[in-house]
Amino acid sequence: MIKKAIRMKLYSGLKEDYAKRHNELWPEMREMLKENGAISYSIFFDPETDYLFGYLEIEDEEKWAQTADTEINRKWWDFMADLMETNSDNSPVTFDLEQVFEL
């Protein structure tokens, strides 16, 4: 298992919309994530900064990287683009975070 952490930026005041969309995650999106090696995926919100912190446990980096090329993932990015900072292809702007401690 590989642990990953990322940071993303939510537009101010949109936490409820973001949470609602994720709570209603499309079944085909959930299936695609599992098929591409997602063991677990959690997202946390910092209300002081509007940053999102994603924590993932995946099977394999190469397998996980393939999620970006799926039709359902690109549809999800388009669906979420109005809520957060994105790149030109509507993928979320993400920053990998370095693990510095584990108990």
PDB file of N, CA and C in Angstrom:
ATOM      1  N   MET A   1       0.836  -1.182   0.000  1.00  0.00           N
ATOM      2  CA  MET A   1       0.000   0.000   0.000  1.00  0.00           C
ATOM      3  C   MET A   1       0.880   1.244   0.000  1.00  0.00           C
ATOM      4  N   ILE A   2       0.488   2.217  -0.778  1.00  0.00           N
ATOM      5  CA  ILE A   2       1.195   3.491  -0.880  1.00  0.00           C
ATOM      6  C   ILE A   2       0.300   4.580  -0.313  1.00  0.00           C
ATOM      7  N   LYS A   3       0.864   5.423   0.549  1.00  0.00           N
ATOM      8  CA  LYS A   3       0.132   6.543   1.126  1.00  0.00           C
ATOM      9  C   LYS A   3       0.475   7.806   0.357  1.00  0.00           C
ATOM     10  N   LYS A   4      -0.557   8.582   0.048  1.00  0.00           N
ATOM     11  CA  LYS A   4      -0.372   9.848  -0.655  1.00  0.00           C
ATOM     12  C   LYS A   4      -1.169  10.921   0.064  1.00  0.00           C
ATOM     13  N   ALA A   5      -0.667  12.126   0.046  1.00  0.00           N
ATOM     14  CA  ALA A   5      -1.408  13.271   0.584  1.00  0.00           C
ATOM     15  C   ALA A   5      -1.268  14.427  -0.389  1.00  0.00           C
ATOM     16  N   ILE A   6      -2.370  15.131  -0.592  1.00  0.00           N
ATOM     17  CA  ILE A   6      -2.374  16.261  -1.511  1.00  0.00           C
ATOM     18  C   ILE A   6      -3.123  17.431  -0.887  1.00  0.00           C
ATOM     19  N   ARG A   7      -2.806  18.618  -1.389  1.00  0.00           N
ATOM     20  CA  ARG A   7      -3.505  19.828  -0.975  1.00  0.00           C
ATOM     21  C   ARG A   7      -4.157  20.455  -2.198  1.00  0.00           C
ATOM     22  N   MET A   8      -5.394  20.912  -2.016  1.00  0.00           N
ATOM     23  CA  MET A   8      -6.138  21.587  -3.083  1.00  0.00           C
ATOM     24  C   MET A   8      -6.775  22.839  -2.481  1.00  0.00           C
ATOM     25  N   LYS A   9      -7.261  23.737  -3.302  1.00  0.00           N
ATOM     26  CA  LYS A   9      -7.838  24.995  -2.826  1.00  0.00           C
ATOM     27  C   LYS A   9      -9.291  25.104  -3.263  1.00  0.00           C
ATOM     28  N   LEU A  10     -10.174  25.223  -2.277  1.00  0.00           N
ATOM     29  CA  LEU A  10     -11.591  25.411  -2.520  1.00  0.00           C
ATOM     30  C   LEU A  10     -11.891  26.899  -2.563  1.00  0.00           C
ATOM     31  N   TYR A  11     -12.788  27.311  -3.440  1.00  0.00           N
ATOM     32  CA  TYR A  11     -13.210  28.709  -3.438  1.00  0.00           C
ATOM     33  C   TYR A  11     -14.002  28.977  -2.159  1.00  0.00           C
ATOM     34  N   SER A  12     -13.848  30.154  -1.627  1.00  0.00           N
ATOM     35  CA  SER A  12     -14.442  30.534  -0.349  1.00  0.00           C
ATOM     36  C   SER A  12     -15.967  30.369  -0.352  1.00  0.00           C
ATOM     37  N   GLY A  13     -16.469  29.831   0.739  1.00  0.00           N
ATOM     38  CA  GLY A  13     -17.904  29.706   0.934  1.00  0.00           C
ATOM     39  C   GLY A  13     -18.558  28.516   0.252  1.00  0.00           C
ATOM     40  N   LEU A  14     -17.779  27.613  -0.326  1.00  0.00           N
ATOM     41  CA  LEU A  14     -18.364  26.521  -1.103  1.00  0.00           C
ATOM     42  C   LEU A  14     -18.170  25.142  -0.468  1.00  0.00           C
ATOM     43  N   LYS A  15     -17.817  25.107   0.804  1.00  0.00           N
ATOM     44  CA  LYS A  15     -17.591  23.821   1.471  1.00  0.00           C
ATOM     45  C   LYS A  15     -18.814  22.915   1.406  1.00  0.00           C
ATOM     46  N   GLU A  16     -20.003  23.455   1.678  1.00  0.00           N
ATOM     47  CA  GLU A  16     -21.206  22.629   1.676  1.00  0.00           C
ATOM     48  C   GLU A  16     -21.481  22.042   0.295  1.00  0.00           C
ATOM     49  N   ASP A  17     -21.303  22.846  -0.748  1.00  0.00           N
ATOM     50  CA  ASP A  17     -21.496  22.345  -2.111  1.00  0.00           C
ATOM     51  C   ASP A  17     -20.488  21.240  -2.425  1.00  0.00           C
ATOM     52  N   TYR A  18     -19.244  21.457  -2.036  1.00  0.00           N
ATOM     53  CA  TYR A  18     -18.192  20.475  -2.278  1.00  0.00           C
ATOM     54  C   TYR A  18     -18.518  19.168  -1.565  1.00  0.00           C
ATOM     55  N   ALA A  19     -18.887  19.259  -0.291  1.00  0.00           N
ATOM     56  CA  ALA A  19     -19.211  18.070   0.491  1.00  0.00           C
ATOM     57  C   ALA A  19     -20.432  17.355  -0.090  1.00  0.00           C
ATOM     58  N   LYS A  20     -21.450  18.109  -0.485  1.00  0.00           N
ATOM     59  CA  LYS A  20     -22.667  17.512  -1.043  1.00  0.00           C
ATOM     60  C   LYS A  20     -22.349  16.714  -2.295  1.00  0.00           C
ATOM     61  N   ARG A  21     -21.564  17.279  -3.185  1.00  0.00           N
ATOM     62  CA  ARG A  21     -21.225  16.560  -4.421  1.00  0.00           C
ATOM     63  C   ARG A  21     -20.445  15.281  -4.118  1.00  0.00           C
ATOM     64  N   HIS A  22     -19.556  15.327  -3.145  1.00  0.00           N
ATOM     65  CA  HIS A  22     -18.795  14.129  -2.806  1.00  0.00           C
ATOM     66  C   HIS A  22     -19.659  13.107  -2.062  1.00  0.00           C
ATOM     67  N   ASN A  23     -20.589  13.576  -1.254  1.00  0.00           N
ATOM     68  CA  ASN A  23     -21.494  12.654  -0.568  1.00  0.00           C
ATOM     69  C   ASN A  23     -22.424  11.948  -1.552  1.00  0.00           C
ATOM     70  N   GLU A  24     -22.602  12.532  -2.721  1.00  0.00           N
ATOM     71  CA  GLU A  24     -23.424  11.944  -3.778  1.00  0.00           C
ATOM     72  C   GLU A  24     -22.544  11.444  -4.936  1.00  0.00           C
ATOM     73  N   LEU A  25     -21.331  11.012  -4.598  1.00  0.00           N
ATOM     74  CA  LEU A  25     -20.370  10.555  -5.612  1.00  0.00           C
ATOM     75  C   LEU A  25     -21.024   9.529  -6.539  1.00  0.00           C
ATOM     76  N   TRP A  26     -20.867   9.764  -7.825  1.00  0.00           N
ATOM     77  CA  TRP A  26     -21.459   8.882  -8.830  1.00  0.00           C
ATOM     78  C   TRP A  26     -20.939   7.455  -8.650  1.00  0.00           C
ATOM     79  N   PRO A  27     -21.800   6.472  -8.754  1.00  0.00           N
ATOM     80  CA  PRO A  27     -21.356   5.072  -8.608  1.00  0.00           C
ATOM     81  C   PRO A  27     -20.243   4.702  -9.585  1.00  0.00           C
ATOM     82  N   GLU A  28     -20.328   5.212 -10.827  1.00  0.00           N
ATOM     83  CA  GLU A  28     -19.291   4.872 -11.816  1.00  0.00           C
ATOM     84  C   GLU A  28     -17.950   5.530 -11.470  1.00  0.00           C
ATOM     85  N   MET A  29     -17.981   6.655 -10.777  1.00  0.00           N
ATOM     86  CA  MET A  29     -16.742   7.291 -10.318  1.00  0.00           C
ATOM     87  C   MET A  29     -16.127   6.461  -9.187  1.00  0.00           C
ATOM     88  N   ARG A  30     -16.955   6.045  -8.252  1.00  0.00           N
ATOM     89  CA  ARG A  30     -16.498   5.199  -7.142  1.00  0.00           C
ATOM     90  C   ARG A  30     -15.875   3.903  -7.686  1.00  0.00           C
ATOM     91  N   GLU A  31     -16.547   3.302  -8.663  1.00  0.00           N
ATOM     92  CA  GLU A  31     -16.058   2.068  -9.267  1.00  0.00           C
ATOM     93  C   GLU A  31     -14.711   2.283  -9.962  1.00  0.00           C
ATOM     94  N   MET A  32     -14.590   3.382 -10.709  1.00  0.00           N
ATOM     95  CA  MET A  32     -13.336   3.672 -11.410  1.00  0.00           C
ATOM     96  C   MET A  32     -12.188   3.839 -10.422  1.00  0.00           C
ATOM     97  N   LEU A  33     -12.430   4.540  -9.313  1.00  0.00           N
ATOM     98  CA  LEU A  33     -11.378   4.737  -8.315  1.00  0.00           C
ATOM     99  C   LEU A  33     -10.903   3.399  -7.764  1.00  0.00           C
ATOM    100  N   LYS A  34     -11.832   2.525  -7.425  1.00  0.00           N
ATOM    101  CA  LYS A  34     -11.483   1.201  -6.900  1.00  0.00           C
ATOM    102  C   LYS A  34     -10.734   0.382  -7.949  1.00  0.00           C
ATOM    103  N   GLU A  35     -11.211   0.429  -9.197  1.00  0.00           N
ATOM    104  CA  GLU A  35     -10.561  -0.325 -10.277  1.00  0.00           C
ATOM    105  C   GLU A  35      -9.130   0.140 -10.507  1.00  0.00           C
ATOM    106  N   ASN A  36      -8.850   1.394 -10.198  1.00  0.00           N
ATOM    107  CA  ASN A  36      -7.510   1.937 -10.401  1.00  0.00           C
ATOM    108  C   ASN A  36      -6.685   1.962  -9.116  1.00  0.00           C
ATOM    109  N   GLY A  37      -7.081   1.145  -8.164  1.00  0.00           N
ATOM    110  CA  GLY A  37      -6.222   0.904  -7.009  1.00  0.00           C
ATOM    111  C   GLY A  37      -6.449   1.748  -5.783  1.00  0.00           C
ATOM    112  N   ALA A  38      -7.545   2.497  -5.715  1.00  0.00           N
ATOM    113  CA  ALA A  38      -7.817   3.264  -4.499  1.00  0.00           C
ATOM    114  C   ALA A  38      -8.300   2.317  -3.412  1.00  0.00           C
ATOM    115  N   ILE A  39      -7.561   2.274  -2.329  1.00  0.00           N
ATOM    116  CA  ILE A  39      -7.962   1.480  -1.169  1.00  0.00           C
ATOM    117  C   ILE A  39      -8.832   2.343  -0.264  1.00  0.00           C
ATOM    118  N   SER A  40      -8.386   3.566  -0.048  1.00  0.00           N
ATOM    119  CA  SER A  40      -9.191   4.544   0.693  1.00  0.00           C
ATOM    120  C   SER A  40      -8.839   5.939   0.199  1.00  0.00           C
ATOM    121  N   TYR A  41      -9.796   6.855   0.377  1.00  0.00           N
ATOM    122  CA  TYR A  41      -9.591   8.230  -0.068  1.00  0.00           C
ATOM    123  C   TYR A  41     -10.436   9.107   0.841  1.00  0.00           C
ATOM    124  N   SER A  42      -9.789   9.974   1.590  1.00  0.00           N
ATOM    125  CA  SER A  42     -10.477  10.904   2.483  1.00  0.00           C
ATOM    126  C   SER A  42     -10.052  12.324   2.132  1.00  0.00           C
ATOM    127  N   ILE A  43     -10.980  13.263   2.297  1.00  0.00           N
ATOM    128  CA  ILE A  43     -10.680  14.673   2.044  1.00  0.00           C
ATOM    129  C   ILE A  43     -11.114  15.465   3.271  1.00  0.00           C
ATOM    130  N   PHE A  44     -10.229  16.335   3.743  1.00  0.00           N
ATOM    131  CA  PHE A  44     -10.474  17.165   4.914  1.00  0.00           C
ATOM    132  C   PHE A  44     -10.449  18.633   4.498  1.00  0.00           C
ATOM    133  N   PHE A  45     -11.133  19.480   5.251  1.00  0.00           N
ATOM    134  CA  PHE A  45     -11.268  20.898   4.935  1.00  0.00           C
ATOM    135  C   PHE A  45     -10.730  21.750   6.080  1.00  0.00           C
ATOM    136  N   ASP A  46      -9.932  22.760   5.733  1.00  0.00           N
ATOM    137  CA  ASP A  46      -9.439  23.735   6.716  1.00  0.00           C
ATOM    138  C   ASP A  46     -10.221  25.030   6.533  1.00  0.00           C
ATOM    139  N   PRO A  47     -11.132  25.362   7.462  1.00  0.00           N
ATOM    140  CA  PRO A  47     -11.980  26.542   7.288  1.00  0.00           C
ATOM    141  C   PRO A  47     -11.234  27.872   7.372  1.00  0.00           C
ATOM    142  N   GLU A  48     -10.052  27.880   7.948  1.00  0.00           N
ATOM    143  CA  GLU A  48      -9.284  29.128   8.044  1.00  0.00           C
ATOM    144  C   GLU A  48      -8.648  29.510   6.718  1.00  0.00           C
ATOM    145  N   THR A  49      -8.358  28.516   5.873  1.00  0.00           N
ATOM    146  CA  THR A  49      -7.637  28.785   4.627  1.00  0.00           C
ATOM    147  C   THR A  49      -8.389  28.367   3.369  1.00  0.00           C
ATOM    148  N   ASP A  50      -9.468  27.618   3.521  1.00  0.00           N
ATOM    149  CA  ASP A  50     -10.211  27.017   2.405  1.00  0.00           C
ATOM    150  C   ASP A  50      -9.396  25.966   1.660  1.00  0.00           C
ATOM    151  N   TYR A  51      -8.339  25.451   2.301  1.00  0.00           N
ATOM    152  CA  TYR A  51      -7.578  24.360   1.696  1.00  0.00           C
ATOM    153  C   TYR A  51      -8.246  23.034   1.981  1.00  0.00           C
ATOM    154  N   LEU A  52      -8.154  22.155   0.994  1.00  0.00           N
ATOM    155  CA  LEU A  52      -8.585  20.775   1.125  1.00  0.00           C
ATOM    156  C   LEU A  52      -7.338  19.910   1.252  1.00  0.00           C
ATOM    157  N   PHE A  53      -7.396  18.929   2.114  1.00  0.00           N
ATOM    158  CA  PHE A  53      -6.304  17.986   2.309  1.00  0.00           C
ATOM    159  C   PHE A  53      -6.823  16.605   1.954  1.00  0.00           C
ATOM    160  N   GLY A  54      -6.258  16.012   0.923  1.00  0.00           N
ATOM    161  CA  GLY A  54      -6.657  14.676   0.512  1.00  0.00           C
ATOM    162  C   GLY A  54      -5.654  13.650   0.982  1.00  0.00           C
ATOM    163  N   TYR A  55      -6.165  12.569   1.566  1.00  0.00           N
ATOM    164  CA  TYR A  55      -5.316  11.457   1.997  1.00  0.00           C
ATOM    165  C   TYR A  55      -5.786  10.208   1.269  1.00  0.00           C
ATOM    166  N   LEU A  56      -4.856   9.560   0.559  1.00  0.00           N
ATOM    167  CA  LEU A  56      -5.177   8.380  -0.227  1.00  0.00           C
ATOM    168  C   LEU A  56      -4.276   7.219   0.150  1.00  0.00           C
ATOM    169  N   GLU A  57      -4.847   6.033   0.086  1.00  0.00           N
ATOM    170  CA  GLU A  57      -4.078   4.803   0.145  1.00  0.00           C
ATOM    171  C   GLU A  57      -4.351   4.090  -1.168  1.00  0.00           C
ATOM    172  N   ILE A  58      -3.288   3.825  -1.915  1.00  0.00           N
ATOM    173  CA  ILE A  58      -3.430   3.236  -3.247  1.00  0.00           C
ATOM    174  C   ILE A  58      -2.564   1.984  -3.364  1.00  0.00           C
ATOM    175  N   GLU A  59      -2.875   1.178  -4.355  1.00  0.00           N
ATOM    176  CA  GLU A  59      -2.115  -0.048  -4.592  1.00  0.00           C
ATOM    177  C   GLU A  59      -0.821   0.209  -5.348  1.00  0.00           C
ATOM    178  N   ASP A  60      -0.874   1.112  -6.338  1.00  0.00           N
ATOM    179  CA  ASP A  60       0.243   1.263  -7.267  1.00  0.00           C
ATOM    180  C   ASP A  60       0.182   2.642  -7.914  1.00  0.00           C
ATOM    181  N   GLU A  61       1.316   3.321  -7.988  1.00  0.00           N
ATOM    182  CA  GLU A  61       1.359   4.683  -8.566  1.00  0.00           C
ATOM    183  C   GLU A  61       0.956   4.700 -10.038  1.00  0.00           C
ATOM    184  N   GLU A  62       1.458   3.748 -10.824  1.00  0.00           N
ATOM    185  CA  GLU A  62       1.149   3.736 -12.260  1.00  0.00           C
ATOM    186  C   GLU A  62      -0.331   3.489 -12.499  1.00  0.00           C
ATOM    187  N   LYS A  63      -0.878   2.566 -11.762  1.00  0.00           N
ATOM    188  CA  LYS A  63      -2.304   2.263 -11.881  1.00  0.00           C
ATOM    189  C   LYS A  63      -3.136   3.490 -11.489  1.00  0.00           C
ATOM    190  N   TRP A  64      -2.735   4.151 -10.402  1.00  0.00           N
ATOM    191  CA  TRP A  64      -3.451   5.338  -9.948  1.00  0.00           C
ATOM    192  C   TRP A  64      -3.372   6.466 -10.972  1.00  0.00           C
ATOM    193  N   ALA A  65      -2.231   6.635 -11.606  1.00  0.00           N
ATOM    194  CA  ALA A  65      -2.045   7.703 -12.590  1.00  0.00           C
ATOM    195  C   ALA A  65      -3.017   7.570 -13.759  1.00  0.00           C
ATOM    196  N   GLN A  66      -3.485   6.372 -14.029  1.00  0.00           N
ATOM    197  CA  GLN A  66      -4.408   6.137 -15.145  1.00  0.00           C
ATOM    198  C   GLN A  66      -5.790   6.748 -14.897  1.00  0.00           C
ATOM    199  N   THR A  67      -6.104   7.089 -13.653  1.00  0.00           N
ATOM    200  CA  THR A  67      -7.419   7.683 -13.375  1.00  0.00           C
ATOM    201  C   THR A  67      -7.611   8.979 -14.156  1.00  0.00           C
ATOM    202  N   ALA A  68      -6.543   9.729 -14.341  1.00  0.00           N
ATOM    203  CA  ALA A  68      -6.640  11.021 -15.026  1.00  0.00           C
ATOM    204  C   ALA A  68      -7.114  10.882 -16.470  1.00  0.00           C
ATOM    205  N   ASP A  69      -6.896   9.723 -17.067  1.00  0.00           N
ATOM    206  CA  ASP A  69      -7.246   9.528 -18.467  1.00  0.00           C
ATOM    207  C   ASP A  69      -8.603   8.879 -18.681  1.00  0.00           C
ATOM    208  N   THR A  70      -9.347   8.662 -17.612  1.00  0.00           N
ATOM    209  CA  THR A  70     -10.659   8.035 -17.777  1.00  0.00           C
ATOM    210  C   THR A  70     -11.715   9.093 -18.103  1.00  0.00           C
ATOM    211  N   GLU A  71     -12.690   8.678 -18.882  1.00  0.00           N
ATOM    212  CA  GLU A  71     -13.765   9.591 -19.270  1.00  0.00           C
ATOM    213  C   GLU A  71     -14.555  10.067 -18.053  1.00  0.00           C
ATOM    214  N   ILE A  72     -14.827   9.162 -17.114  1.00  0.00           N
ATOM    215  CA  ILE A  72     -15.628   9.538 -15.950  1.00  0.00           C
ATOM    216  C   ILE A  72     -14.876  10.536 -15.064  1.00  0.00           C
ATOM    217  N   ASN A  73     -13.573  10.387 -14.963  1.00  0.00           N
ATOM    218  CA  ASN A  73     -12.789  11.329 -14.142  1.00  0.00           C
ATOM    219  C   ASN A  73     -12.789  12.718 -14.769  1.00  0.00           C
ATOM    220  N   ARG A  74     -12.656  12.788 -16.073  1.00  0.00           N
ATOM    221  CA  ARG A  74     -12.683  14.096 -16.750  1.00  0.00           C
ATOM    222  C   ARG A  74     -14.067  14.745 -16.613  1.00  0.00           C
ATOM    223  N   LYS A  75     -15.105  13.934 -16.641  1.00  0.00           N
ATOM    224  CA  LYS A  75     -16.462  14.444 -16.433  1.00  0.00           C
ATOM    225  C   LYS A  75     -16.589  14.989 -14.997  1.00  0.00           C
ATOM    226  N   TRP A  76     -16.004  14.268 -14.028  1.00  0.00           N
ATOM    227  CA  TRP A  76     -16.021  14.716 -12.627  1.00  0.00           C
ATOM    228  C   TRP A  76     -15.272  16.036 -12.484  1.00  0.00           C
ATOM    229  N   TRP A  77     -14.109  16.152 -13.103  1.00  0.00           N
ATOM    230  CA  TRP A  77     -13.348  17.403 -13.030  1.00  0.00           C
ATOM    231  C   TRP A  77     -14.184  18.569 -13.547  1.00  0.00           C
ATOM    232  N   ASP A  78     -14.857  18.365 -14.669  1.00  0.00           N
ATOM    233  CA  ASP A  78     -15.709  19.419 -15.227  1.00  0.00           C
ATOM    234  C   ASP A  78     -16.824  19.785 -14.253  1.00  0.00           C
ATOM    235  N   PHE A  79     -17.409  18.797 -13.607  1.00  0.00           N
ATOM    236  CA  PHE A  79     -18.493  18.978 -12.649  1.00  0.00           C
ATOM    237  C   PHE A  79     -18.043  19.766 -11.425  1.00  0.00           C
ATOM    238  N   MET A  80     -16.770  19.597 -11.029  1.00  0.00           N
ATOM    239  CA  MET A  80     -16.256  20.220  -9.814  1.00  0.00           C
ATOM    240  C   MET A  80     -15.532  21.543 -10.071  1.00  0.00           C
ATOM    241  N   ALA A  81     -15.275  21.883 -11.307  1.00  0.00           N
ATOM    242  CA  ALA A  81     -14.419  23.033 -11.642  1.00  0.00           C
ATOM    243  C   ALA A  81     -14.926  24.366 -11.112  1.00  0.00           C
ATOM    244  N   ASP A  82     -16.224  24.510 -10.923  1.00  0.00           N
ATOM    245  CA  ASP A  82     -16.749  25.784 -10.438  1.00  0.00           C
ATOM    246  C   ASP A  82     -16.545  25.980  -8.932  1.00  0.00           C
ATOM    247  N   LEU A  83     -16.031  24.964  -8.255  1.00  0.00           N
ATOM    248  CA  LEU A  83     -15.875  25.033  -6.799  1.00  0.00           C
ATOM    249  C   LEU A  83     -14.444  25.248  -6.328  1.00  0.00           C
ATOM    250  N   MET A  84     -13.475  25.017  -7.212  1.00  0.00           N
ATOM    251  CA  MET A  84     -12.089  25.004  -6.742  1.00  0.00           C
ATOM    252  C   MET A  84     -11.104  25.461  -7.812  1.00  0.00           C
ATOM    253  N   GLU A  85      -9.895  25.738  -7.371  1.00  0.00           N
ATOM    254  CA  GLU A  85      -8.844  26.116  -8.315  1.00  0.00           C
ATOM    255  C   GLU A  85      -8.516  24.923  -9.202  1.00  0.00           C
ATOM    256  N   THR A  86      -8.478  25.183 -10.524  1.00  0.00           N
ATOM    257  CA  THR A  86      -8.232  24.116 -11.484  1.00  0.00           C
ATOM    258  C   THR A  86      -7.187  24.525 -12.510  1.00  0.00           C
ATOM    259  N   ASN A  87      -6.658  23.510 -13.168  1.00  0.00           N
ATOM    260  CA  ASN A  87      -5.767  23.701 -14.306  1.00  0.00           C
ATOM    261  C   ASN A  87      -6.616  23.913 -15.556  1.00  0.00           C
ATOM    262  N   SER A  88      -5.971  24.152 -16.695  1.00  0.00           N
ATOM    263  CA  SER A  88      -6.694  24.437 -17.937  1.00  0.00           C
ATOM    264  C   SER A  88      -7.589  23.277 -18.392  1.00  0.00           C
ATOM    265  N   ASP A  89      -7.288  22.042 -17.960  1.00  0.00           N
ATOM    266  CA  ASP A  89      -8.123  20.889 -18.330  1.00  0.00           C
ATOM    267  C   ASP A  89      -9.185  20.579 -17.273  1.00  0.00           C
ATOM    268  N   ASN A  90      -9.369  21.504 -16.330  1.00  0.00           N
ATOM    269  CA  ASN A  90     -10.307  21.389 -15.212  1.00  0.00           C
ATOM    270  C   ASN A  90      -9.870  20.414 -14.127  1.00  0.00           C
ATOM    271  N   SER A  91      -8.689  19.839 -14.243  1.00  0.00           N
ATOM    272  CA  SER A  91      -8.179  19.018 -13.137  1.00  0.00           C
ATOM    273  C   SER A  91      -7.871  19.954 -11.971  1.00  0.00           C
ATOM    274  N   PRO A  92      -8.069  19.480 -10.740  1.00  0.00           N
ATOM    275  CA  PRO A  92      -7.780  20.348  -9.610  1.00  0.00           C
ATOM    276  C   PRO A  92      -6.281  20.659  -9.519  1.00  0.00           C
ATOM    277  N   VAL A  93      -5.970  21.878  -9.147  1.00  0.00           N
ATOM    278  CA  VAL A  93      -4.582  22.221  -8.855  1.00  0.00           C
ATOM    279  C   VAL A  93      -4.233  21.497  -7.560  1.00  0.00           C
ATOM    280  N   THR A  94      -3.258  20.624  -7.619  1.00  0.00           N
ATOM    281  CA  THR A  94      -2.882  19.851  -6.436  1.00  0.00           C
ATOM    282  C   THR A  94      -1.394  20.029  -6.138  1.00  0.00           C
ATOM    283  N   PHE A  95      -1.085  19.913  -4.872  1.00  0.00           N
ATOM    284  CA  PHE A  95       0.289  19.933  -4.399  1.00  0.00           C
ATOM    285  C   PHE A  95       0.500  18.696  -3.558  1.00  0.00           C
ATOM    286  N   ASP A  96       1.496  17.904  -3.923  1.00  0.00           N
ATOM    287  CA  ASP A  96       1.821  16.727  -3.123  1.00  0.00           C
ATOM    288  C   ASP A  96       2.395  17.180  -1.788  1.00  0.00           C
ATOM    289  N   LEU A  97       1.989  16.492  -0.720  1.00  0.00           N
ATOM    290  CA  LEU A  97       2.483  16.790   0.605  1.00  0.00           C
ATOM    291  C   LEU A  97       3.419  15.676   1.057  1.00  0.00           C
ATOM    292  N   GLU A  98       4.444  16.056   1.745  1.00  0.00           N
ATOM    293  CA  GLU A  98       5.460  15.130   2.210  1.00  0.00           C
ATOM    294  C   GLU A  98       5.118  14.647   3.625  1.00  0.00           C
ATOM    295  N   GLN A  99       5.124  13.331   3.796  1.00  0.00           N
ATOM    296  CA  GLN A  99       4.888  12.767   5.127  1.00  0.00           C
ATOM    297  C   GLN A  99       6.136  12.991   5.976  1.00  0.00           C
ATOM    298  N   VAL A 100       5.939  13.525   7.161  1.00  0.00           N
ATOM    299  CA  VAL A 100       7.075  13.778   8.054  1.00  0.00           C
ATOM    300  C   VAL A 100       6.979  13.002   9.374  1.00  0.00           C
ATOM    301  N   PHE A 101       5.837  12.333   9.595  1.00  0.00           N
ATOM    302  CA  PHE A 101       5.687  11.572  10.828  1.00  0.00           C
ATOM    303  C   PHE A 101       4.586  10.531  10.657  1.00  0.00           C
ATOM    304  N   GLU A 102       4.758   9.400  11.318  1.00  0.00           N
ATOM    305  CA  GLU A 102       3.713   8.378  11.403  1.00  0.00           C
ATOM    306  C   GLU A 102       3.896   7.625  12.700  1.00  0.00           C
ATOM    307  N   LEU A 103       2.808   7.371  13.382  1.00  0.00           N
ATOM    308  CA  LEU A 103       2.859   6.612  14.639  1.00  0.00           C
ATOM    309  C   LEU A 103       2.422   5.194  14.360  1.00  0.00           C
TER     310      LEU A 103
END
